[in-house]
Amino acid sequence: MPEPTADDAQLDELRDGLRRELARVQGRLRALPLDRLDGEPAALARAAAQDLADLAADAQQRPRRSVPQLEVHGVPDQLAVTAHDVLAEGDRAALSQALDVLTALRRAL
């Protein structure tokens, strides 16, 4: 088994940061009553999910596709699925951009 490199450690750190930020955002979204989630918070989260889906598609070198618009109660899960796609397929740039997307979303909520 090869020794971990500094690059591996940085990627692990980015992935951990992305997981933490996703947990924070999901916590905020899930804490909102559905009537408050509906509207701007859901729209922001849907846009972030699309951004994450695009990052994952680019990392996999596949065409971008529109993320379906789920009912408001499904938005936190949709965000998680697209974030996990980036975690699984993303390179350093994609992971960093995904972290920025989630941080911006959390701050906007």
PDB file of N, CA and C in Angstrom:
ATOM      1  N   MET A   1       0.853  -1.176   0.000  1.00  0.00           N
ATOM      2  CA  MET A   1       0.000   0.000   0.000  1.00  0.00           C
ATOM      3  C   MET A   1       0.901   1.242   0.000  1.00  0.00           C
ATOM      4  N   PRO A   2       0.684   2.159  -0.926  1.00  0.00           N
ATOM      5  CA  PRO A   2       1.530   3.353  -0.992  1.00  0.00           C
ATOM      6  C   PRO A   2       1.287   4.289   0.195  1.00  0.00           C
ATOM      7  N   GLU A   3       2.331   4.990   0.545  1.00  0.00           N
ATOM      8  CA  GLU A   3       2.250   5.975   1.626  1.00  0.00           C
ATOM      9  C   GLU A   3       1.367   7.146   1.200  1.00  0.00           C
ATOM     10  N   PRO A   4       0.520   7.656   2.107  1.00  0.00           N
ATOM     11  CA  PRO A   4      -0.273   8.842   1.779  1.00  0.00           C
ATOM     12  C   PRO A   4       0.641  10.043   1.540  1.00  0.00           C
ATOM     13  N   THR A   5       0.277  10.855   0.577  1.00  0.00           N
ATOM     14  CA  THR A   5       1.060  12.043   0.251  1.00  0.00           C
ATOM     15  C   THR A   5       0.385  13.276   0.846  1.00  0.00           C
ATOM     16  N   ALA A   6       1.085  14.399   0.763  1.00  0.00           N
ATOM     17  CA  ALA A   6       0.508  15.662   1.224  1.00  0.00           C
ATOM     18  C   ALA A   6      -0.729  16.007   0.391  1.00  0.00           C
ATOM     19  N   ASP A   7      -0.690  15.650  -0.895  1.00  0.00           N
ATOM     20  CA  ASP A   7      -1.827  15.897  -1.767  1.00  0.00           C
ATOM     21  C   ASP A   7      -3.046  15.093  -1.304  1.00  0.00           C
ATOM     22  N   ASP A   8      -2.818  13.834  -0.916  1.00  0.00           N
ATOM     23  CA  ASP A   8      -3.901  12.993  -0.395  1.00  0.00           C
ATOM     24  C   ASP A   8      -4.490  13.611   0.874  1.00  0.00           C
ATOM     25  N   ALA A   9      -3.627  14.110   1.723  1.00  0.00           N
ATOM     26  CA  ALA A   9      -4.080  14.720   2.974  1.00  0.00           C
ATOM     27  C   ALA A   9      -4.917  15.968   2.696  1.00  0.00           C
ATOM     28  N   GLN A  10      -4.511  16.758   1.707  1.00  0.00           N
ATOM     29  CA  GLN A  10      -5.276  17.960   1.363  1.00  0.00           C
ATOM     30  C   GLN A  10      -6.639  17.599   0.788  1.00  0.00           C
ATOM     31  N   LEU A  11      -6.688  16.571  -0.038  1.00  0.00           N
ATOM     32  CA  LEU A  11      -7.975  16.118  -0.582  1.00  0.00           C
ATOM     33  C   LEU A  11      -8.882  15.614   0.532  1.00  0.00           C
ATOM     34  N   ASP A  12      -8.317  14.864   1.461  1.00  0.00           N
ATOM     35  CA  ASP A  12      -9.099  14.376   2.605  1.00  0.00           C
ATOM     36  C   ASP A  12      -9.637  15.542   3.430  1.00  0.00           C
ATOM     37  N   GLU A  13      -8.818  16.557   3.605  1.00  0.00           N
ATOM     38  CA  GLU A  13      -9.231  17.739   4.357  1.00  0.00           C
ATOM     39  C   GLU A  13     -10.378  18.463   3.647  1.00  0.00           C
ATOM     40  N   LEU A  14     -10.283  18.590   2.331  1.00  0.00           N
ATOM     41  CA  LEU A  14     -11.358  19.209   1.555  1.00  0.00           C
ATOM     42  C   LEU A  14     -12.648  18.395   1.665  1.00  0.00           C
ATOM     43  N   ARG A  15     -12.527  17.090   1.550  1.00  0.00           N
ATOM     44  CA  ARG A  15     -13.711  16.220   1.656  1.00  0.00           C
ATOM     45  C   ARG A  15     -14.345  16.351   3.049  1.00  0.00           C
ATOM     46  N   ASP A  16     -13.525  16.356   4.084  1.00  0.00           N
ATOM     47  CA  ASP A  16     -14.044  16.512   5.446  1.00  0.00           C
ATOM     48  C   ASP A  16     -14.744  17.858   5.609  1.00  0.00           C
ATOM     49  N   GLY A  17     -14.149  18.913   5.062  1.00  0.00           N
ATOM     50  CA  GLY A  17     -14.762  20.240   5.128  1.00  0.00           C
ATOM     51  C   GLY A  17     -16.094  20.285   4.400  1.00  0.00           C
ATOM     52  N   LEU A  18     -16.151  19.619   3.256  1.00  0.00           N
ATOM     53  CA  LEU A  18     -17.392  19.566   2.488  1.00  0.00           C
ATOM     54  C   LEU A  18     -18.473  18.798   3.257  1.00  0.00           C
ATOM     55  N   ARG A  19     -18.101  17.703   3.880  1.00  0.00           N
ATOM     56  CA  ARG A  19     -19.065  16.931   4.686  1.00  0.00           C
ATOM     57  C   ARG A  19     -19.589  17.757   5.859  1.00  0.00           C
ATOM     58  N   ARG A  20     -18.685  18.475   6.528  1.00  0.00           N
ATOM     59  CA  ARG A  20     -19.103  19.313   7.661  1.00  0.00           C
ATOM     60  C   ARG A  20     -20.060  20.421   7.204  1.00  0.00           C
ATOM     61  N   GLU A  21     -19.715  21.059   6.094  1.00  0.00           N
ATOM     62  CA  GLU A  21     -20.552  22.154   5.601  1.00  0.00           C
ATOM     63  C   GLU A  21     -21.915  21.622   5.155  1.00  0.00           C
ATOM     64  N   LEU A  22     -21.931  20.456   4.529  1.00  0.00           N
ATOM     65  CA  LEU A  22     -23.203  19.849   4.135  1.00  0.00           C
ATOM     66  C   LEU A  22     -24.057  19.579   5.366  1.00  0.00           C
ATOM     67  N   ALA A  23     -23.467  19.057   6.420  1.00  0.00           N
ATOM     68  CA  ALA A  23     -24.218  18.792   7.650  1.00  0.00           C
ATOM     69  C   ALA A  23     -24.792  20.083   8.230  1.00  0.00           C
ATOM     70  N   ARG A  24     -24.014  21.155   8.192  1.00  0.00           N
ATOM     71  CA  ARG A  24     -24.503  22.443   8.702  1.00  0.00           C
ATOM     72  C   ARG A  24     -25.695  22.934   7.885  1.00  0.00           C
ATOM     73  N   VAL A  25     -25.550  22.896   6.572  1.00  0.00           N
ATOM     74  CA  VAL A  25     -26.618  23.388   5.701  1.00  0.00           C
ATOM     75  C   VAL A  25     -27.865  22.528   5.851  1.00  0.00           C
ATOM     76  N   GLN A  26     -27.690  21.226   5.851  1.00  0.00           N
ATOM     77  CA  GLN A  26     -28.848  20.345   6.016  1.00  0.00           C
ATOM     78  C   GLN A  26     -29.538  20.602   7.355  1.00  0.00           C
ATOM     79  N   GLY A  27     -28.747  20.819   8.390  1.00  0.00           N
ATOM     80  CA  GLY A  27     -29.332  21.122   9.695  1.00  0.00           C
ATOM     81  C   GLY A  27     -30.183  22.372   9.648  1.00  0.00           C
ATOM     82  N   ARG A  28     -29.689  23.399   8.977  1.00  0.00           N
ATOM     83  CA  ARG A  28     -30.471  24.638   8.876  1.00  0.00           C
ATOM     84  C   ARG A  28     -31.738  24.434   8.062  1.00  0.00           C
ATOM     85  N   LEU A  29     -31.614  23.729   6.942  1.00  0.00           N
ATOM     86  CA  LEU A  29     -32.783  23.509   6.099  1.00  0.00           C
ATOM     87  C   LEU A  29     -33.827  22.664   6.822  1.00  0.00           C
ATOM     88  N   ARG A  30     -33.390  21.625   7.501  1.00  0.00           N
ATOM     89  CA  ARG A  30     -34.325  20.732   8.189  1.00  0.00           C
ATOM     90  C   ARG A  30     -34.966  21.397   9.414  1.00  0.00           C
ATOM     91  N   ALA A  31     -34.296  22.384   9.972  1.00  0.00           N
ATOM     92  CA  ALA A  31     -34.845  23.085  11.141  1.00  0.00           C
ATOM     93  C   ALA A  31     -35.960  24.062  10.762  1.00  0.00           C
ATOM     94  N   LEU A  32     -36.010  24.426   9.478  1.00  0.00           N
ATOM     95  CA  LEU A  32     -37.040  25.366   9.051  1.00  0.00           C
ATOM     96  C   LEU A  32     -38.387  24.652   8.915  1.00  0.00           C
ATOM     97  N   PRO A  33     -39.452  25.263   9.421  1.00  0.00           N
ATOM     98  CA  PRO A  33     -40.780  24.707   9.145  1.00  0.00           C
ATOM     99  C   PRO A  33     -41.003  24.727   7.622  1.00  0.00           C
ATOM    100  N   LEU A  34     -41.784  23.785   7.132  1.00  0.00           N
ATOM    101  CA  LEU A  34     -41.975  23.673   5.682  1.00  0.00           C
ATOM    102  C   LEU A  34     -42.507  24.958   5.063  1.00  0.00           C
ATOM    103  N   ASP A  35     -43.364  25.678   5.770  1.00  0.00           N
ATOM    104  CA  ASP A  35     -43.895  26.913   5.198  1.00  0.00           C
ATOM    105  C   ASP A  35     -42.820  28.002   5.096  1.00  0.00           C
ATOM    106  N   ARG A  36     -41.796  27.948   5.944  1.00  0.00           N
ATOM    107  CA  ARG A  36     -40.686  28.901   5.836  1.00  0.00           C
ATOM    108  C   ARG A  36     -39.639  28.420   4.849  1.00  0.00           C
ATOM    109  N   LEU A  37     -39.480  27.109   4.717  1.00  0.00           N
ATOM    110  CA  LEU A  37     -38.532  26.553   3.754  1.00  0.00           C
ATOM    111  C   LEU A  37     -38.995  26.847   2.334  1.00  0.00           C
ATOM    112  N   ASP A  38     -40.311  26.775   2.127  1.00  0.00           N
ATOM    113  CA  ASP A  38     -40.876  27.058   0.809  1.00  0.00           C
ATOM    114  C   ASP A  38     -40.622  28.525   0.475  1.00  0.00           C
ATOM    115  N   GLY A  39     -40.173  28.791  -0.711  1.00  0.00           N
ATOM    116  CA  GLY A  39     -39.861  30.154  -1.112  1.00  0.00           C
ATOM    117  C   GLY A  39     -38.364  30.311  -1.318  1.00  0.00           C
ATOM    118  N   GLU A  40     -37.811  31.399  -0.802  1.00  0.00           N
ATOM    119  CA  GLU A  40     -36.402  31.698  -1.057  1.00  0.00           C
ATOM    120  C   GLU A  40     -35.433  30.636  -0.550  1.00  0.00           C
ATOM    121  N   PRO A  41     -35.576  30.125   0.687  1.00  0.00           N
ATOM    122  CA  PRO A  41     -34.620  29.099   1.124  1.00  0.00           C
ATOM    123  C   PRO A  41     -34.597  27.878   0.203  1.00  0.00           C
ATOM    124  N   ALA A  42     -35.766  27.404  -0.209  1.00  0.00           N
ATOM    125  CA  ALA A  42     -35.817  26.243  -1.106  1.00  0.00           C
ATOM    126  C   ALA A  42     -35.229  26.589  -2.469  1.00  0.00           C
ATOM    127  N   ALA A  43     -35.512  27.781  -2.960  1.00  0.00           N
ATOM    128  CA  ALA A  43     -34.967  28.197  -4.256  1.00  0.00           C
ATOM    129  C   ALA A  43     -33.440  28.268  -4.212  1.00  0.00           C
ATOM    130  N   LEU A  44     -32.907  28.800  -3.128  1.00  0.00           N
ATOM    131  CA  LEU A  44     -31.445  28.872  -2.974  1.00  0.00           C
ATOM    132  C   LEU A  44     -30.838  27.477  -2.904  1.00  0.00           C
ATOM    133  N   ALA A  45     -31.495  26.595  -2.155  1.00  0.00           N
ATOM    134  CA  ALA A  45     -30.990  25.227  -2.015  1.00  0.00           C
ATOM    135  C   ALA A  45     -31.080  24.471  -3.333  1.00  0.00           C
ATOM    136  N   ARG A  46     -32.154  24.685  -4.079  1.00  0.00           N
ATOM    137  CA  ARG A  46     -32.272  24.035  -5.392  1.00  0.00           C
ATOM    138  C   ARG A  46     -31.186  24.520  -6.349  1.00  0.00           C
ATOM    139  N   ALA A  47     -30.911  25.813  -6.318  1.00  0.00           N
ATOM    140  CA  ALA A  47     -29.848  26.355  -7.176  1.00  0.00           C
ATOM    141  C   ALA A  47     -28.491  25.774  -6.778  1.00  0.00           C
ATOM    142  N   ALA A  48     -28.253  25.640  -5.479  1.00  0.00           N
ATOM    143  CA  ALA A  48     -26.997  25.040  -5.009  1.00  0.00           C
ATOM    144  C   ALA A  48     -26.912  23.577  -5.436  1.00  0.00           C
ATOM    145  N   ALA A  49     -28.022  22.856  -5.354  1.00  0.00           N
ATOM    146  CA  ALA A  49     -28.039  21.454  -5.784  1.00  0.00           C
ATOM    147  C   ALA A  49     -27.699  21.352  -7.267  1.00  0.00           C
ATOM    148  N   GLN A  50     -28.221  22.275  -8.073  1.00  0.00           N
ATOM    149  CA  GLN A  50     -27.901  22.267  -9.502  1.00  0.00           C
ATOM    150  C   GLN A  50     -26.418  22.553  -9.714  1.00  0.00           C
ATOM    151  N   ASP A  51     -25.879  23.522  -8.975  1.00  0.00           N
ATOM    152  CA  ASP A  51     -24.445  23.823  -9.088  1.00  0.00           C
ATOM    153  C   ASP A  51     -23.602  22.594  -8.742  1.00  0.00           C
ATOM    154  N   LEU A  52     -23.991  21.897  -7.677  1.00  0.00           N
ATOM    155  CA  LEU A  52     -23.255  20.699  -7.271  1.00  0.00           C
ATOM    156  C   LEU A  52     -23.395  19.593  -8.312  1.00  0.00           C
ATOM    157  N   ALA A  53     -24.582  19.433  -8.855  1.00  0.00           N
ATOM    158  CA  ALA A  53     -24.785  18.420  -9.896  1.00  0.00           C
ATOM    159  C   ALA A  53     -23.918  18.728 -11.125  1.00  0.00           C
ATOM    160  N   ASP A  54     -23.816  20.006 -11.468  1.00  0.00           N
ATOM    161  CA  ASP A  54     -22.976  20.402 -12.600  1.00  0.00           C
ATOM    162  C   ASP A  54     -21.503  20.106 -12.324  1.00  0.00           C
ATOM    163  N   LEU A  55     -21.058  20.365 -11.100  1.00  0.00           N
ATOM    164  CA  LEU A  55     -19.665  20.061 -10.734  1.00  0.00           C
ATOM    165  C   LEU A  55     -19.388  18.561 -10.844  1.00  0.00           C
ATOM    166  N   ALA A  56     -20.329  17.756 -10.375  1.00  0.00           N
ATOM    167  CA  ALA A  56     -20.160  16.294 -10.451  1.00  0.00           C
ATOM    168  C   ALA A  56     -20.153  15.829 -11.902  1.00  0.00           C
ATOM    169  N   ALA A  57     -21.041  16.380 -12.719  1.00  0.00           N
ATOM    170  CA  ALA A  57     -21.091  15.995 -14.140  1.00  0.00           C
ATOM    171  C   ALA A  57     -19.790  16.365 -14.836  1.00  0.00           C
ATOM    172  N   ASP A  58     -19.298  17.562 -14.561  1.00  0.00           N
ATOM    173  CA  ASP A  58     -18.034  17.991 -15.172  1.00  0.00           C
ATOM    174  C   ASP A  58     -16.886  17.082 -14.745  1.00  0.00           C
ATOM    175  N   ALA A  59     -16.869  16.703 -13.474  1.00  0.00           N
ATOM    176  CA  ALA A  59     -15.801  15.831 -12.968  1.00  0.00           C
ATOM    177  C   ALA A  59     -15.848  14.458 -13.624  1.00  0.00           C
ATOM    178  N   GLN A  60     -17.061  14.002 -13.970  1.00  0.00           N
ATOM    179  CA  GLN A  60     -17.231  12.695 -14.604  1.00  0.00           C
ATOM    180  C   GLN A  60     -17.176  12.788 -16.129  1.00  0.00           C
ATOM    181  N   GLN A  61     -16.996  14.004 -16.620  1.00  0.00           N
ATOM    182  CA  GLN A  61     -16.962  14.274 -18.063  1.00  0.00           C
ATOM    183  C   GLN A  61     -18.213  13.732 -18.757  1.00  0.00           C
ATOM    184  N   ARG A  62     -19.340  14.057 -18.148  1.00  0.00           N
ATOM    185  CA  ARG A  62     -20.612  13.679 -18.747  1.00  0.00           C
ATOM    186  C   ARG A  62     -21.454  14.948 -18.911  1.00  0.00           C
ATOM    187  N   PRO A  63     -22.458  14.898 -19.749  1.00  0.00           N
ATOM    188  CA  PRO A  63     -23.273  16.104 -19.965  1.00  0.00           C
ATOM    189  C   PRO A  63     -23.988  16.544 -18.690  1.00  0.00           C
ATOM    190  N   ARG A  64     -24.137  17.843 -18.566  1.00  0.00           N
ATOM    191  CA  ARG A  64     -24.917  18.381 -17.452  1.00  0.00           C
ATOM    192  C   ARG A  64     -26.391  18.133 -17.714  1.00  0.00           C
ATOM    193  N   ARG A  65     -27.126  17.872 -16.631  1.00  0.00           N
ATOM    194  CA  ARG A  65     -28.567  17.680 -16.722  1.00  0.00           C
ATOM    195  C   ARG A  65     -29.248  18.515 -15.646  1.00  0.00           C
ATOM    196  N   SER A  66     -30.440  18.910 -15.931  1.00  0.00           N
ATOM    197  CA  SER A  66     -31.211  19.663 -14.938  1.00  0.00           C
ATOM    198  C   SER A  66     -31.622  18.743 -13.797  1.00  0.00           C
ATOM    199  N   VAL A  67     -31.493  19.252 -12.600  1.00  0.00           N
ATOM    200  CA  VAL A  67     -31.937  18.528 -11.412  1.00  0.00           C
ATOM    201  C   VAL A  67     -33.450  18.693 -11.322  1.00  0.00           C
ATOM    202  N   PRO A  68     -34.182  17.615 -11.099  1.00  0.00           N
ATOM    203  CA  PRO A  68     -35.644  17.752 -11.007  1.00  0.00           C
ATOM    204  C   PRO A  68     -36.044  18.611  -9.810  1.00  0.00           C
ATOM    205  N   GLN A  69     -37.133  19.333  -9.960  1.00  0.00           N
ATOM    206  CA  GLN A  69     -37.608  20.163  -8.857  1.00  0.00           C
ATOM    207  C   GLN A  69     -38.507  19.319  -7.963  1.00  0.00           C
ATOM    208  N   LEU A  70     -37.975  18.961  -6.806  1.00  0.00           N
ATOM    209  CA  LEU A  70     -38.715  18.159  -5.836  1.00  0.00           C
ATOM    210  C   LEU A  70     -39.606  19.049  -4.985  1.00  0.00           C
ATOM    211  N   GLU A  71     -40.536  18.415  -4.304  1.00  0.00           N
ATOM    212  CA  GLU A  71     -41.328  19.142  -3.315  1.00  0.00           C
ATOM    213  C   GLU A  71     -40.381  19.682  -2.249  1.00  0.00           C
ATOM    214  N   VAL A  72     -40.817  20.686  -1.551  1.00  0.00           N
ATOM    215  CA  VAL A  72     -39.952  21.408  -0.621  1.00  0.00           C
ATOM    216  C   VAL A  72     -39.348  20.494   0.445  1.00  0.00           C
ATOM    217  N   HIS A  73     -40.080  19.487   0.899  1.00  0.00           N
ATOM    218  CA  HIS A  73     -39.551  18.607   1.946  1.00  0.00           C
ATOM    219  C   HIS A  73     -38.403  17.729   1.435  1.00  0.00           C
ATOM    220  N   GLY A  74     -38.223  17.602   0.114  1.00  0.00           N
ATOM    221  CA  GLY A  74     -37.146  16.794  -0.449  1.00  0.00           C
ATOM    222  C   GLY A  74     -35.880  17.564  -0.759  1.00  0.00           C
ATOM    223  N   VAL A  75     -35.926  18.882  -0.608  1.00  0.00           N
ATOM    224  CA  VAL A  75     -34.781  19.716  -0.985  1.00  0.00           C
ATOM    225  C   VAL A  75     -33.513  19.393  -0.187  1.00  0.00           C
ATOM    226  N   PRO A  76     -33.575  19.205   1.143  1.00  0.00           N
ATOM    227  CA  PRO A  76     -32.338  18.873   1.862  1.00  0.00           C
ATOM    228  C   PRO A  76     -31.701  17.571   1.381  1.00  0.00           C
ATOM    229  N   ASP A  77     -32.529  16.581   1.073  1.00  0.00           N
ATOM    230  CA  ASP A  77     -31.989  15.306   0.584  1.00  0.00           C
ATOM    231  C   ASP A  77     -31.389  15.448  -0.812  1.00  0.00           C
ATOM    232  N   GLN A  78     -32.036  16.235  -1.655  1.00  0.00           N
ATOM    233  CA  GLN A  78     -31.514  16.462  -3.000  1.00  0.00           C
ATOM    234  C   GLN A  78     -30.147  17.146  -2.931  1.00  0.00           C
ATOM    235  N   LEU A  79     -30.015  18.087  -2.037  1.00  0.00           N
ATOM    236  CA  LEU A  79     -28.736  18.756  -1.843  1.00  0.00           C
ATOM    237  C   LEU A  79     -27.681  17.749  -1.391  1.00  0.00           C
ATOM    238  N   ALA A  80     -28.046  16.856  -0.492  1.00  0.00           N
ATOM    239  CA  ALA A  80     -27.108  15.844   0.001  1.00  0.00           C
ATOM    240  C   ALA A  80     -26.666  14.899  -1.111  1.00  0.00           C
ATOM    241  N   VAL A  81     -27.599  14.471  -1.948  1.00  0.00           N
ATOM    242  CA  VAL A  81     -27.256  13.555  -3.035  1.00  0.00           C
ATOM    243  C   VAL A  81     -26.268  14.199  -3.991  1.00  0.00           C
ATOM    244  N   THR A  82     -26.530  15.434  -4.362  1.00  0.00           N
ATOM    245  CA  THR A  82     -25.620  16.093  -5.311  1.00  0.00           C
ATOM    246  C   THR A  82     -24.262  16.379  -4.674  1.00  0.00           C
ATOM    247  N   ALA A  83     -24.247  16.702  -3.386  1.00  0.00           N
ATOM    248  CA  ALA A  83     -22.966  16.910  -2.700  1.00  0.00           C
ATOM    249  C   ALA A  83     -22.176  15.607  -2.622  1.00  0.00           C
ATOM    250  N   HIS A  84     -22.857  14.509  -2.377  1.00  0.00           N
ATOM    251  CA  HIS A  84     -22.169  13.215  -2.315  1.00  0.00           C
ATOM    252  C   HIS A  84     -21.633  12.798  -3.682  1.00  0.00           C
ATOM    253  N   ASP A  85     -22.317  13.204  -4.741  1.00  0.00           N
ATOM    254  CA  ASP A  85     -21.784  12.945  -6.087  1.00  0.00           C
ATOM    255  C   ASP A  85     -20.449  13.662  -6.284  1.00  0.00           C
ATOM    256  N   VAL A  86     -20.371  14.897  -5.820  1.00  0.00           N
ATOM    257  CA  VAL A  86     -19.101  15.637  -5.926  1.00  0.00           C
ATOM    258  C   VAL A  86     -18.043  14.989  -5.047  1.00  0.00           C
ATOM    259  N   LEU A  87     -18.427  14.578  -3.849  1.00  0.00           N
ATOM    260  CA  LEU A  87     -17.472  13.903  -2.962  1.00  0.00           C
ATOM    261  C   LEU A  87     -16.904  12.647  -3.608  1.00  0.00           C
ATOM    262  N   ALA A  88     -17.743  11.919  -4.315  1.00  0.00           N
ATOM    263  CA  ALA A  88     -17.317  10.651  -4.920  1.00  0.00           C
ATOM    264  C   ALA A  88     -16.486  10.856  -6.178  1.00  0.00           C
ATOM    265  N   GLU A  89     -16.781  11.887  -6.951  1.00  0.00           N
ATOM    266  CA  GLU A  89     -16.176  12.033  -8.274  1.00  0.00           C
ATOM    267  C   GLU A  89     -15.272  13.246  -8.438  1.00  0.00           C
ATOM    268  N   GLY A  90     -15.356  14.202  -7.520  1.00  0.00           N
ATOM    269  CA  GLY A  90     -14.698  15.482  -7.720  1.00  0.00           C
ATOM    270  C   GLY A  90     -13.205  15.479  -7.458  1.00  0.00           C
ATOM    271  N   ASP A  91     -12.510  16.295  -8.231  1.00  0.00           N
ATOM    272  CA  ASP A  91     -11.095  16.545  -7.993  1.00  0.00           C
ATOM    273  C   ASP A  91     -10.973  17.721  -7.018  1.00  0.00           C
ATOM    274  N   ARG A  92      -9.762  18.173  -6.790  1.00  0.00           N
ATOM    275  CA  ARG A  92      -9.525  19.260  -5.837  1.00  0.00           C
ATOM    276  C   ARG A  92     -10.350  20.503  -6.185  1.00  0.00           C
ATOM    277  N   ALA A  93     -10.356  20.879  -7.455  1.00  0.00           N
ATOM    278  CA  ALA A  93     -11.081  22.089  -7.868  1.00  0.00           C
ATOM    279  C   ALA A  93     -12.581  21.925  -7.629  1.00  0.00           C
ATOM    280  N   ALA A  94     -13.132  20.780  -7.995  1.00  0.00           N
ATOM    281  CA  ALA A  94     -14.564  20.545  -7.808  1.00  0.00           C
ATOM    282  C   ALA A  94     -14.926  20.537  -6.326  1.00  0.00           C
ATOM    283  N   LEU A  95     -14.103  19.899  -5.512  1.00  0.00           N
ATOM    284  CA  LEU A  95     -14.362  19.861  -4.077  1.00  0.00           C
ATOM    285  C   LEU A  95     -14.323  21.259  -3.473  1.00  0.00           C
ATOM    286  N   SER A  96     -13.354  22.044  -3.884  1.00  0.00           N
ATOM    287  CA  SER A  96     -13.223  23.408  -3.385  1.00  0.00           C
ATOM    288  C   SER A  96     -14.420  24.264  -3.807  1.00  0.00           C
ATOM    289  N   GLN A  97     -14.828  24.124  -5.061  1.00  0.00           N
ATOM    290  CA  GLN A  97     -15.985  24.880  -5.539  1.00  0.00           C
ATOM    291  C   GLN A  97     -17.257  24.434  -4.827  1.00  0.00           C
ATOM    292  N   ALA A  98     -17.395  23.155  -4.598  1.00  0.00           N
ATOM    293  CA  ALA A  98     -18.571  22.644  -3.888  1.00  0.00           C
ATOM    294  C   ALA A  98     -18.624  23.186  -2.460  1.00  0.00           C
ATOM    295  N   LEU A  99     -17.486  23.248  -1.819  1.00  0.00           N
ATOM    296  CA  LEU A  99     -17.422  23.816  -0.475  1.00  0.00           C
ATOM    297  C   LEU A  99     -17.854  25.280  -0.497  1.00  0.00           C
ATOM    298  N   ASP A 100     -17.414  26.009  -1.514  1.00  0.00           N
ATOM    299  CA  ASP A 100     -17.819  27.414  -1.659  1.00  0.00           C
ATOM    300  C   ASP A 100     -19.326  27.540  -1.867  1.00  0.00           C
ATOM    301  N   VAL A 101     -19.894  26.652  -2.681  1.00  0.00           N
ATOM    302  CA  VAL A 101     -21.341  26.670  -2.940  1.00  0.00           C
ATOM    303  C   VAL A 101     -22.113  26.463  -1.639  1.00  0.00           C
ATOM    304  N   LEU A 102     -21.720  25.465  -0.864  1.00  0.00           N
ATOM    305  CA  LEU A 102     -22.434  25.170   0.379  1.00  0.00           C
ATOM    306  C   LEU A 102     -22.235  26.259   1.424  1.00  0.00           C
ATOM    307  N   THR A 103     -21.034  26.815   1.495  1.00  0.00           N
ATOM    308  CA  THR A 103     -20.787  27.908   2.444  1.00  0.00           C
ATOM    309  C   THR A 103     -21.640  29.119   2.099  1.00  0.00           C
ATOM    310  N   ALA A 104     -21.713  29.461   0.823  1.00  0.00           N
ATOM    311  CA  ALA A 104     -22.530  30.591   0.391  1.00  0.00           C
ATOM    312  C   ALA A 104     -24.009  30.337   0.700  1.00  0.00           C
ATOM    313  N   LEU A 105     -24.461  29.114   0.483  1.00  0.00           N
ATOM    314  CA  LEU A 105     -25.846  28.774   0.786  1.00  0.00           C
ATOM    315  C   LEU A 105     -26.116  28.926   2.277  1.00  0.00           C
ATOM    316  N   ARG A 106     -25.243  28.384   3.105  1.00  0.00           N
ATOM    317  CA  ARG A 106     -25.443  28.492   4.553  1.00  0.00           C
ATOM    318  C   ARG A 106     -25.517  29.944   4.985  1.00  0.00           C
ATOM    319  N   ARG A 107     -24.664  30.758   4.454  1.00  0.00           N
ATOM    320  CA  ARG A 107     -24.659  32.182   4.830  1.00  0.00           C
ATOM    321  C   ARG A 107     -25.912  32.902   4.354  1.00  0.00           C
ATOM    322  N   ALA A 108     -26.456  32.460   3.228  1.00  0.00           N
ATOM    323  CA  ALA A 108     -27.672  33.085   2.699  1.00  0.00           C
ATOM    324  C   ALA A 108     -28.938  32.660   3.444  1.00  0.00           C
ATOM    325  N   LEU A 109     -28.846  31.506   4.112  1.00  0.00           N
ATOM    326  CA  LEU A 109     -30.021  31.045   4.848  1.00  0.00           C
ATOM    327  C   LEU A 109     -30.152  31.818   6.150  1.00  0.00           C
TER     328      LEU A 109
END
